[in-house]
């Protein structure tokens, strides 16, 4: 039985338990037994064997309350379509909250992502934060807008893909490339290059990433569980060891929520 057919059967059976609260139709929480989450394979976050920070956090949130978390690894663009358009999966892990996709988000971030800064090791360019970009040619993917225009004291070169950006870097057409580490690593691996060719830095300010849920009534219930469980698990100190294990930081939205209670 293929995944789509399995999902349709699950949705059909779940809908039979739906109840009307007078305003809209919601799924009864006690009848939700499983959820499916998809993301590309990111080492230490969404490992193919079902381990990693993202998978571990989600399992800790949902499985103790009777919701089995099923994980899958699919390239990003296809994964997004499977959540937003075809609703084959309930959620995608690792999306920004200001996404233009048709997604629903919980109150709390899943992780903090820091953009990586790449330069050619042979150029021996220093990296001491954004001040190092002054007077240089800096590349990032079109529409990223990582640094607002009024704060740019460098020449911006936009490109369409990480692979194109690395080519510009190697050709000497840009001095620094700012991109997601996972994307950089994937391109370097595909080109069968050694990372020692490059010098790596990290942008000082991180961006929260979230679990983006399909825009469905079922997701509204899953999100309510997420929003209830995260502060509870933080107070019980069950999430902190997971972030320490995977060498990540607990997002501020999570720590602030607990401190404010």
Protein backbone atom coordinates (compact mmCIF):
# COMPACT_ATOMS: atom_id res chain seq x y z
CA UNK A 1 0.00 0.00 0.00
CA UNK A 2 1.55 3.35 -0.95
CA UNK A 3 1.96 6.24 1.46
CA UNK A 4 -0.73 8.40 -0.12
CA UNK A 5 -3.35 5.66 0.13
CA UNK A 6 -2.33 4.93 3.71
CA UNK A 7 -2.68 8.61 4.58
CA UNK A 8 -6.11 8.87 2.96
CA UNK A 9 -7.30 5.90 5.01
CA UNK A 10 -5.88 7.49 8.17
CA UNK A 11 -7.56 10.81 7.46
CA UNK A 12 -10.83 9.11 6.63
CA UNK A 13 -10.81 7.12 9.85
CA UNK A 14 -9.79 10.18 11.88
CA UNK A 15 -12.59 12.26 10.39
CA UNK A 16 -15.11 9.74 11.66
CA UNK A 17 -14.13 10.83 15.16
CA UNK A 18 -14.49 14.55 14.49
CA UNK A 19 -16.66 16.63 16.79
CA UNK A 20 -18.27 20.02 16.37
CA UNK A 21 -17.45 22.53 19.12
CA UNK A 22 -19.99 25.03 17.81
CA UNK A 23 -17.44 27.09 15.89
CA UNK A 24 -15.52 24.67 13.74
CA UNK A 25 -14.78 21.00 13.35
CA UNK A 26 -11.82 19.63 15.26
CA UNK A 27 -10.28 16.20 15.72
CA UNK A 28 -10.63 14.61 19.13
CA UNK A 29 -7.16 14.52 20.63
CA UNK A 30 -7.55 11.07 22.14
CA UNK A 31 -8.20 9.55 18.72
CA UNK A 32 -4.99 10.84 17.11
CA UNK A 33 -2.57 7.94 17.30
CA UNK A 34 0.15 8.97 14.82
CA UNK A 35 1.61 11.88 12.91
CA UNK A 36 4.13 12.02 10.06
CA UNK A 37 6.95 14.56 9.73
CA UNK A 38 9.28 15.02 6.78
CA UNK A 39 12.54 16.87 6.16
CA UNK A 40 15.75 16.44 4.17
CA UNK A 41 18.42 14.36 5.83
CA UNK A 42 20.46 16.79 7.93
CA UNK A 43 23.20 15.21 10.01
CA UNK A 44 22.53 15.59 13.70
CA UNK A 45 19.05 16.96 13.15
CA UNK A 46 17.05 14.61 10.93
CA UNK A 47 19.13 11.47 10.55
CA UNK A 48 17.81 8.72 8.30
CA UNK A 49 17.72 6.27 11.22
CA UNK A 50 15.15 8.41 13.03
CA UNK A 51 17.61 10.04 15.43
CA UNK A 52 18.73 13.67 15.54
CA UNK A 53 17.65 16.79 17.40
CA UNK A 54 14.47 17.48 15.42
CA UNK A 55 13.22 13.91 15.52
CA UNK A 56 14.13 13.46 19.19
CA UNK A 57 12.37 16.65 20.26
CA UNK A 58 9.20 15.77 18.35
CA UNK A 59 9.12 12.23 19.75
CA UNK A 60 9.59 13.60 23.26
CA UNK A 61 6.68 16.00 22.74
CA UNK A 62 4.19 13.60 21.21
CA UNK A 63 4.91 9.96 21.99
CA UNK A 64 4.40 10.13 25.80
CA UNK A 65 0.85 11.37 25.11
CA UNK A 66 0.09 8.54 22.71
CA UNK A 67 0.94 10.07 19.31
CA UNK A 68 3.52 8.03 17.38
CA UNK A 69 5.90 10.19 15.35
CA UNK A 70 6.74 8.76 11.94
CA UNK A 71 9.72 10.41 10.23
CA UNK A 72 10.81 10.52 6.60
CA UNK A 73 13.70 12.08 4.67
CA UNK A 74 12.83 13.78 1.38
CA UNK A 75 14.57 16.66 -0.49
CA UNK A 76 13.24 20.04 0.60
CA UNK A 77 11.16 21.18 -2.36
CA UNK A 78 9.46 17.81 -2.73
CA UNK A 79 8.92 17.55 1.01
CA UNK A 80 7.24 20.96 1.07
CA UNK A 81 4.83 20.00 -1.70
CA UNK A 82 4.01 16.75 0.08
CA UNK A 83 2.95 18.76 3.13
CA UNK A 84 1.29 21.83 1.63
CA UNK A 85 -0.17 20.59 -1.66
CA UNK A 86 -0.69 16.86 -1.34
CA UNK A 87 -0.76 16.60 2.48
CA UNK A 88 1.00 13.24 2.38
CA UNK A 89 2.77 14.26 5.60
CA UNK A 90 1.39 16.22 8.54
CA UNK A 91 4.37 18.52 8.94
CA UNK A 92 7.79 19.59 7.70
CA UNK A 93 10.67 20.29 10.09
CA UNK A 94 13.02 23.23 9.67
CA UNK A 95 10.94 26.04 8.12
CA UNK A 96 11.01 29.77 8.90
CA UNK A 97 7.90 31.26 10.48
CA UNK A 98 7.71 34.02 7.85
CA UNK A 99 7.36 31.38 5.13
CA UNK A 100 5.02 32.14 2.24
CA UNK A 101 3.93 28.50 2.16
CA UNK A 102 0.45 27.46 3.33
CA UNK A 103 1.55 26.23 6.75
CA UNK A 104 0.48 26.54 10.37
CA UNK A 105 3.09 27.09 13.09
CA UNK A 106 3.28 26.44 16.82
CA UNK A 107 4.28 29.16 19.28
CA UNK A 108 7.72 27.72 19.91
CA UNK A 109 10.70 27.33 17.62
CA UNK A 110 12.37 23.97 17.10
CA UNK A 111 15.92 25.21 16.58
CA UNK A 112 18.09 28.25 15.93
CA UNK A 113 19.85 28.27 12.58
CA UNK A 114 23.01 30.26 11.99
CA UNK A 115 23.98 31.09 8.43
CA UNK A 116 27.49 30.07 7.46
CA UNK A 117 30.04 32.37 5.84
CA UNK A 118 32.35 30.76 3.31
CA UNK A 119 35.55 32.11 1.78
CA UNK A 120 38.44 30.51 -0.09
CA UNK A 121 41.15 29.36 2.30
CA UNK A 122 43.81 30.47 -0.19
CA UNK A 123 42.69 34.10 0.20
CA UNK A 124 43.15 34.02 3.99
CA UNK A 125 40.32 36.47 4.53
CA UNK A 126 39.57 37.17 8.20
CA UNK A 127 36.17 36.57 9.75
CA UNK A 128 35.42 38.73 12.78
CA UNK A 129 31.71 39.14 12.23
CA UNK A 130 29.83 41.31 9.75
CA UNK A 131 32.48 44.03 9.99
CA UNK A 132 34.71 41.75 7.89
CA UNK A 133 32.32 42.17 4.95
CA UNK A 134 33.07 45.88 4.55
CA UNK A 135 34.34 46.74 1.09
CA UNK A 136 34.09 43.14 -0.07
CA UNK A 137 31.95 41.33 -2.67
CA UNK A 138 29.40 39.29 -0.77
CA UNK A 139 27.10 36.70 -2.29
CA UNK A 140 23.85 35.15 -1.11
CA UNK A 141 20.80 33.57 -2.72
CA UNK A 142 18.42 36.03 -4.35
CA UNK A 143 15.75 37.42 -1.99
CA UNK A 144 17.49 36.18 1.18
CA UNK A 145 17.99 39.78 2.42
CA UNK A 146 20.26 38.62 5.23
CA UNK A 147 21.49 42.14 5.93
CA UNK A 148 19.15 45.07 5.31
CA UNK A 149 20.14 47.42 2.50
CA UNK A 150 20.78 50.37 4.82
CA UNK A 151 23.42 48.35 6.69
CA UNK A 152 25.31 47.06 3.65
CA UNK A 153 28.79 48.51 3.27
CA UNK A 154 29.75 45.87 0.72
CA UNK A 155 28.91 44.93 -2.86
CA UNK A 156 26.06 42.40 -2.95
CA UNK A 157 26.09 39.69 -5.61
CA UNK A 158 22.93 37.56 -5.68
CA UNK A 159 22.76 34.09 -7.18
CA UNK A 160 20.08 31.47 -7.81
CA UNK A 161 21.55 28.39 -6.11
CA UNK A 162 24.24 27.44 -3.63
CA UNK A 163 26.11 25.61 -6.39
CA UNK A 164 26.19 28.79 -8.45
CA UNK A 165 27.41 30.73 -5.42
CA UNK A 166 30.31 28.36 -4.83
CA UNK A 167 31.29 28.66 -8.47
CA UNK A 168 31.36 32.46 -8.11
CA UNK A 169 33.51 32.07 -4.99
CA UNK A 170 35.98 29.77 -6.73
CA UNK A 171 36.16 32.08 -9.74
CA UNK A 172 37.01 35.01 -7.49
CA UNK A 173 33.84 36.92 -8.39
CA UNK A 174 32.79 37.10 -4.74
CA UNK A 175 34.89 37.17 -1.58
CA UNK A 176 32.37 35.77 0.87
CA UNK A 177 29.38 33.49 0.42
CA UNK A 178 26.61 33.45 3.05
CA UNK A 179 24.34 30.43 2.95
CA UNK A 180 22.88 27.58 4.99
CA UNK A 181 25.54 25.15 6.17
CA UNK A 182 23.54 22.13 5.05
CA UNK A 183 23.27 23.50 1.53
CA UNK A 184 26.98 24.33 1.40
CA UNK A 185 27.97 20.89 2.69
CA UNK A 186 25.71 19.15 0.17
CA UNK A 187 27.21 21.03 -2.79
CA UNK A 188 30.79 20.50 -1.62
CA UNK A 189 30.10 16.78 -1.18
CA UNK A 190 28.49 16.56 -4.62
CA UNK A 191 31.55 18.20 -6.16
CA UNK A 192 33.74 15.73 -4.24
CA UNK A 193 35.81 18.56 -2.83
CA UNK A 194 37.72 18.81 0.42
CA UNK A 195 36.36 21.37 2.89
CA UNK A 196 39.95 22.43 3.58
CA UNK A 197 39.67 24.45 0.35
CA UNK A 198 37.42 26.82 2.27
CA UNK A 199 37.43 28.87 5.42
CA UNK A 200 34.20 28.77 7.38
CA UNK A 201 32.65 31.36 9.69
CA UNK A 202 29.22 31.91 11.20
CA UNK A 203 26.85 34.87 11.19
CA UNK A 204 26.43 36.25 14.73
CA UNK A 205 22.63 36.32 14.76
CA UNK A 206 20.60 33.16 14.36
CA UNK A 207 17.13 32.64 12.91
CA UNK A 208 14.49 30.49 14.55
CA UNK A 209 13.22 27.53 12.56
CA UNK A 210 9.94 25.76 13.25
CA UNK A 211 7.88 22.72 12.52
CA UNK A 212 5.47 23.80 9.78
CA UNK A 213 2.16 21.92 9.84
CA UNK A 214 -0.20 21.31 6.92
CA UNK A 215 -3.15 23.70 7.00
CA UNK A 216 -5.72 21.17 8.23
CA UNK A 217 -8.01 20.75 11.25
CA UNK A 218 -5.88 17.81 12.37
CA UNK A 219 -2.82 20.08 12.49
CA UNK A 220 -4.61 22.50 14.80
CA UNK A 221 -4.88 19.74 17.39
CA UNK A 222 -1.28 18.65 16.87
CA UNK A 223 -0.15 22.25 17.35
CA UNK A 224 -2.18 22.58 20.55
CA UNK A 225 -0.37 19.53 21.91
CA UNK A 226 2.98 21.04 20.87
CA UNK A 227 2.22 24.37 22.57
CA UNK A 228 1.14 22.67 25.79
CA UNK A 229 3.94 20.16 25.98
CA UNK A 230 6.98 22.33 25.25
CA UNK A 231 6.77 24.54 28.39
CA UNK A 232 5.84 21.48 30.45
CA UNK A 233 8.86 19.52 29.19
CA UNK A 234 11.15 22.48 29.79
CA UNK A 235 9.98 22.76 33.39
CA UNK A 236 10.62 19.02 33.78
CA UNK A 237 14.08 19.53 32.19
CA UNK A 238 13.42 16.91 29.52
CA UNK A 239 14.23 19.03 26.48
CA UNK A 240 17.45 20.65 27.66
CA UNK A 241 19.48 17.37 27.57
CA UNK A 242 18.39 16.77 23.97
CA UNK A 243 19.76 20.12 22.81
CA UNK A 244 22.98 19.50 24.77
CA UNK A 245 23.32 16.02 23.27
CA UNK A 246 23.08 17.37 19.71
CA UNK A 247 25.21 20.46 20.48
CA UNK A 248 22.43 22.93 19.79
CA UNK A 249 20.92 25.77 21.79
CA UNK A 250 17.39 25.91 23.13
CA UNK A 251 15.49 28.61 21.15
CA UNK A 252 14.78 31.82 23.07
CA UNK A 253 11.05 31.47 22.40
CA UNK A 254 11.14 28.25 24.42
CA UNK A 255 13.21 29.51 27.35
CA UNK A 256 11.26 32.79 27.51
CA UNK A 257 7.95 30.92 27.68
CA UNK A 258 9.09 29.01 30.76
CA UNK A 259 10.60 32.04 32.47
CA UNK A 260 7.37 33.96 31.95
CA UNK A 261 5.26 31.34 33.74
